[in-house]
Amino acid sequence: MNTYFMSKLERLTTYFSKPGPENTEEVISAVSKRLEEGDIKVAVVASTTGRTGVKFAEALKGKAKVVAISHEKMDQKLKEEITRLGGIAVDQTHLPLHQRGMDKVRNAFYSLGQGFKVAVEVILIATDKAVIKPYEDVIGVAGSGEGCDTAIVARSTTTKEMFSEDPLKKLEVREIIAMPLKKKWW
């Protein structure tokens, strides 16, 4: 049964007093706990070097498919380790929320935090690159520069369809699993 059609649903959200990599282990724990419900099979993780991707691939092995996304070139050994652990590593990607005409969208997501914006963005990237299926609920994980401090559940969709007229194709952020209360402004 799709839990989103229930009249009321209560879930635990983890809030951190400040953003930063010191929250990584707690985010891994919160994501792992959310995956126990069994309705989500994919976690898309922002991982510039591959280090955070390896941590998630180790922790979620057998629980979810882990897709690590980096807009830069990942460390080759870390990228290979993600793959060895059963994950998928995709690097040197585009940044869809930094494209022309996306300033207001990007800034709206930033108001929820750097990690929130990136968690949405890695889901868009993974769907754009056909690494994950569109229109399925997935977990997006990101942080504020290093490690992670934010995790969300959202419907996967492509950048082109994030504001689709078809309500079954557009981006929907469904849950906040974890996020910092204080935001990091660059």
Protein backbone atom coordinates (compact mmCIF):
# COMPACT_ATOMS: atom_id res chain seq x y z
CA MET A 1 0.00 0.00 0.00
CA ASN A 2 1.31 3.47 -0.88
CA THR A 3 1.72 5.26 2.43
CA TYR A 4 1.10 8.63 0.79
CA PHE A 5 -2.58 7.88 0.38
CA MET A 6 -3.13 7.40 4.09
CA SER A 7 -4.97 10.20 5.86
CA LYS A 8 -2.22 10.63 8.45
CA LEU A 9 1.37 9.46 8.67
CA GLU A 10 3.86 10.25 11.41
CA ARG A 11 7.59 9.79 10.92
CA LEU A 12 10.65 10.84 12.82
CA THR A 13 12.80 13.63 11.35
CA THR A 14 16.32 14.25 12.60
CA TYR A 15 17.32 17.92 12.94
CA PHE A 16 20.89 19.04 13.54
CA SER A 17 21.77 22.30 15.31
CA LYS A 18 24.21 23.19 12.53
CA PRO A 19 25.25 21.91 9.10
CA GLY A 20 28.42 19.97 8.53
CA PRO A 21 30.19 16.66 8.02
CA GLU A 22 29.97 15.77 11.73
CA ASN A 23 26.34 14.81 11.00
CA THR A 24 27.23 12.14 8.42
CA GLU A 25 26.95 9.08 10.67
CA GLU A 26 23.58 10.24 12.04
CA VAL A 27 22.29 10.77 8.48
CA ILE A 28 23.44 7.28 7.51
CA SER A 29 21.58 5.92 10.54
CA ALA A 30 18.40 7.91 9.77
CA VAL A 31 18.44 6.81 6.10
CA SER A 32 19.05 3.19 7.08
CA LYS A 33 16.13 3.33 9.50
CA ARG A 34 13.84 4.88 6.84
CA LEU A 35 14.79 2.13 4.39
CA GLU A 36 13.53 -0.49 6.86
CA GLU A 37 9.98 0.43 5.82
CA GLY A 38 10.72 -1.34 2.54
CA ASP A 39 9.00 1.07 0.14
CA ILE A 40 12.19 2.74 -1.12
CA LYS A 41 14.95 0.89 -2.94
CA VAL A 42 17.36 3.66 -4.05
CA ALA A 43 19.53 6.22 -2.25
CA VAL A 44 21.19 8.89 -4.39
CA VAL A 45 24.14 10.42 -2.55
CA ALA A 46 26.15 13.54 -3.38
CA SER A 47 29.82 12.60 -3.10
CA THR A 48 32.40 14.92 -4.60
CA THR A 49 35.46 12.76 -3.91
CA GLY A 50 33.62 9.45 -3.46
CA ARG A 51 34.28 9.22 0.31
CA THR A 52 30.63 9.75 1.34
CA GLY A 53 29.52 7.42 -1.46
CA VAL A 54 31.71 4.64 -0.03
CA LYS A 55 30.30 5.19 3.47
CA PHE A 56 26.73 4.86 2.18
CA ALA A 57 27.55 1.91 -0.09
CA GLU A 58 29.02 0.07 2.92
CA ALA A 59 26.19 0.97 5.31
CA LEU A 60 23.31 0.31 2.90
CA LYS A 61 24.68 -2.81 1.18
CA GLY A 62 21.75 -5.18 0.74
CA LYS A 63 19.23 -2.53 1.84
CA ALA A 64 19.20 -0.18 -1.16
CA LYS A 65 20.89 0.58 -4.44
CA VAL A 66 23.36 3.42 -3.76
CA VAL A 67 24.09 5.89 -6.54
CA ALA A 68 26.93 8.31 -5.79
CA ILE A 69 26.91 11.51 -7.85
CA SER A 70 29.70 14.07 -8.27
CA HIS A 71 29.90 17.10 -10.53
CA GLU A 72 33.70 16.78 -10.27
CA LYS A 73 36.00 13.84 -10.98
CA MET A 74 35.86 11.34 -8.10
CA ASP A 75 38.97 9.74 -6.67
CA GLN A 76 39.37 6.66 -8.88
CA LYS A 77 39.99 4.25 -5.97
CA LEU A 78 36.89 5.50 -4.12
CA LYS A 79 34.83 5.24 -7.30
CA GLU A 80 35.98 1.64 -7.76
CA GLU A 81 35.17 0.88 -4.10
CA ILE A 82 31.60 2.18 -4.54
CA THR A 83 31.21 -0.14 -7.53
CA ARG A 84 32.82 -3.08 -5.69
CA LEU A 85 30.26 -2.59 -2.90
CA GLY A 86 27.42 -2.84 -5.42
CA GLY A 87 26.82 0.88 -5.88
CA ILE A 88 26.97 3.07 -8.95
CA ALA A 89 29.38 6.01 -9.18
CA VAL A 90 28.73 8.82 -11.66
CA ASP A 91 31.12 11.75 -11.84
CA GLN A 92 31.77 14.87 -13.91
CA THR A 93 28.05 15.52 -14.24
CA HIS A 94 26.04 18.59 -15.12
CA LEU A 95 24.46 20.83 -12.45
CA PRO A 96 20.85 21.27 -13.56
CA LEU A 97 19.92 23.83 -10.90
CA HIS A 98 22.79 26.05 -12.07
CA GLN A 99 21.55 26.25 -15.65
CA ARG A 100 20.25 29.44 -17.16
CA GLY A 101 16.81 30.36 -15.83
CA MET A 102 17.09 28.24 -12.68
CA ASP A 103 18.26 30.96 -10.25
CA LYS A 104 14.93 31.35 -8.45
CA VAL A 105 14.41 27.60 -8.20
CA ARG A 106 17.94 27.09 -6.85
CA ASN A 107 17.55 29.91 -4.33
CA ALA A 108 14.20 28.55 -3.14
CA PHE A 109 15.85 25.19 -2.39
CA TYR A 110 18.79 26.97 -0.70
CA SER A 111 16.33 28.46 1.79
CA LEU A 112 15.92 24.89 3.07
CA GLY A 113 19.71 24.46 3.16
CA GLN A 114 22.68 23.79 0.91
CA GLY A 115 22.28 20.06 1.46
CA PHE A 116 18.58 20.21 0.59
CA LYS A 117 19.28 21.90 -2.75
CA VAL A 118 21.97 19.34 -3.57
CA ALA A 119 19.82 16.38 -2.43
CA VAL A 120 17.19 17.45 -4.96
CA GLU A 121 19.83 18.10 -7.60
CA VAL A 122 21.50 14.66 -7.36
CA ILE A 123 18.11 13.01 -7.84
CA LEU A 124 17.57 15.12 -10.98
CA ILE A 125 21.07 14.27 -12.25
CA ALA A 126 20.65 10.53 -11.66
CA THR A 127 17.30 10.57 -13.47
CA ASP A 128 18.61 12.76 -16.32
CA LYS A 129 21.44 10.27 -16.83
CA ALA A 130 19.00 7.30 -16.69
CA VAL A 131 20.92 5.76 -13.79
CA ILE A 132 17.65 5.54 -11.83
CA LYS A 133 14.11 5.11 -13.04
CA PRO A 134 11.89 8.18 -13.24
CA TYR A 135 8.72 8.67 -11.18
CA GLU A 136 9.72 6.50 -8.23
CA ASP A 137 10.31 7.59 -4.65
CA VAL A 138 14.01 7.67 -3.81
CA ILE A 139 16.16 9.07 -1.04
CA GLY A 140 18.42 12.00 -1.84
CA VAL A 141 21.39 12.71 0.44
CA ALA A 142 23.76 15.67 0.48
CA GLY A 143 25.63 18.08 2.69
CA SER A 144 27.12 21.49 3.07
CA GLY A 145 30.51 21.03 1.46
CA GLU A 146 31.82 17.76 2.93
CA GLY A 147 30.10 14.69 4.34
CA CYS A 148 26.32 14.95 4.62
CA ASP A 149 23.72 16.61 6.81
CA THR A 150 20.52 16.31 4.78
CA ALA A 151 18.35 13.45 3.54
CA ILE A 152 14.97 13.66 1.80
CA VAL A 153 12.49 11.40 0.06
CA ALA A 154 11.41 12.71 -3.34
CA ARG A 155 9.89 11.47 -6.57
CA SER A 156 12.63 10.98 -9.15
CA THR A 157 12.15 12.96 -12.30
CA THR A 158 14.21 14.61 -14.99
CA THR A 159 15.15 18.27 -14.92
CA LYS A 160 12.98 18.80 -18.00
CA GLU A 161 9.94 17.35 -16.21
CA MET A 162 10.41 18.77 -12.71
CA PHE A 163 7.60 21.27 -13.35
CA SER A 164 5.63 19.08 -15.77
CA GLU A 165 1.94 19.71 -16.28
CA ASP A 166 1.48 16.00 -15.63
CA PRO A 167 1.27 15.74 -11.82
CA LEU A 168 2.64 12.18 -11.94
CA LYS A 169 5.90 13.37 -13.54
CA LYS A 170 6.75 16.52 -11.62
CA LEU A 171 9.21 16.73 -8.75
CA GLU A 172 7.66 16.17 -5.35
CA VAL A 173 9.64 16.33 -2.14
CA ARG A 174 7.72 13.91 0.05
CA GLU A 175 9.67 13.76 3.31
CA ILE A 176 12.55 15.28 5.18
CA ILE A 177 14.51 12.54 6.89
CA ALA A 178 17.26 14.80 8.25
CA MET A 179 18.43 18.38 7.90
CA PRO A 180 20.25 21.12 9.82
CA LEU A 181 18.21 23.86 11.46
CA LYS A 182 20.90 26.49 10.87
CA LYS A 183 21.75 27.00 7.21
CA LYS A 184 25.14 27.57 5.63
CA TRP A 185 25.18 30.54 3.29
CA TRP A 186 28.14 30.71 0.95
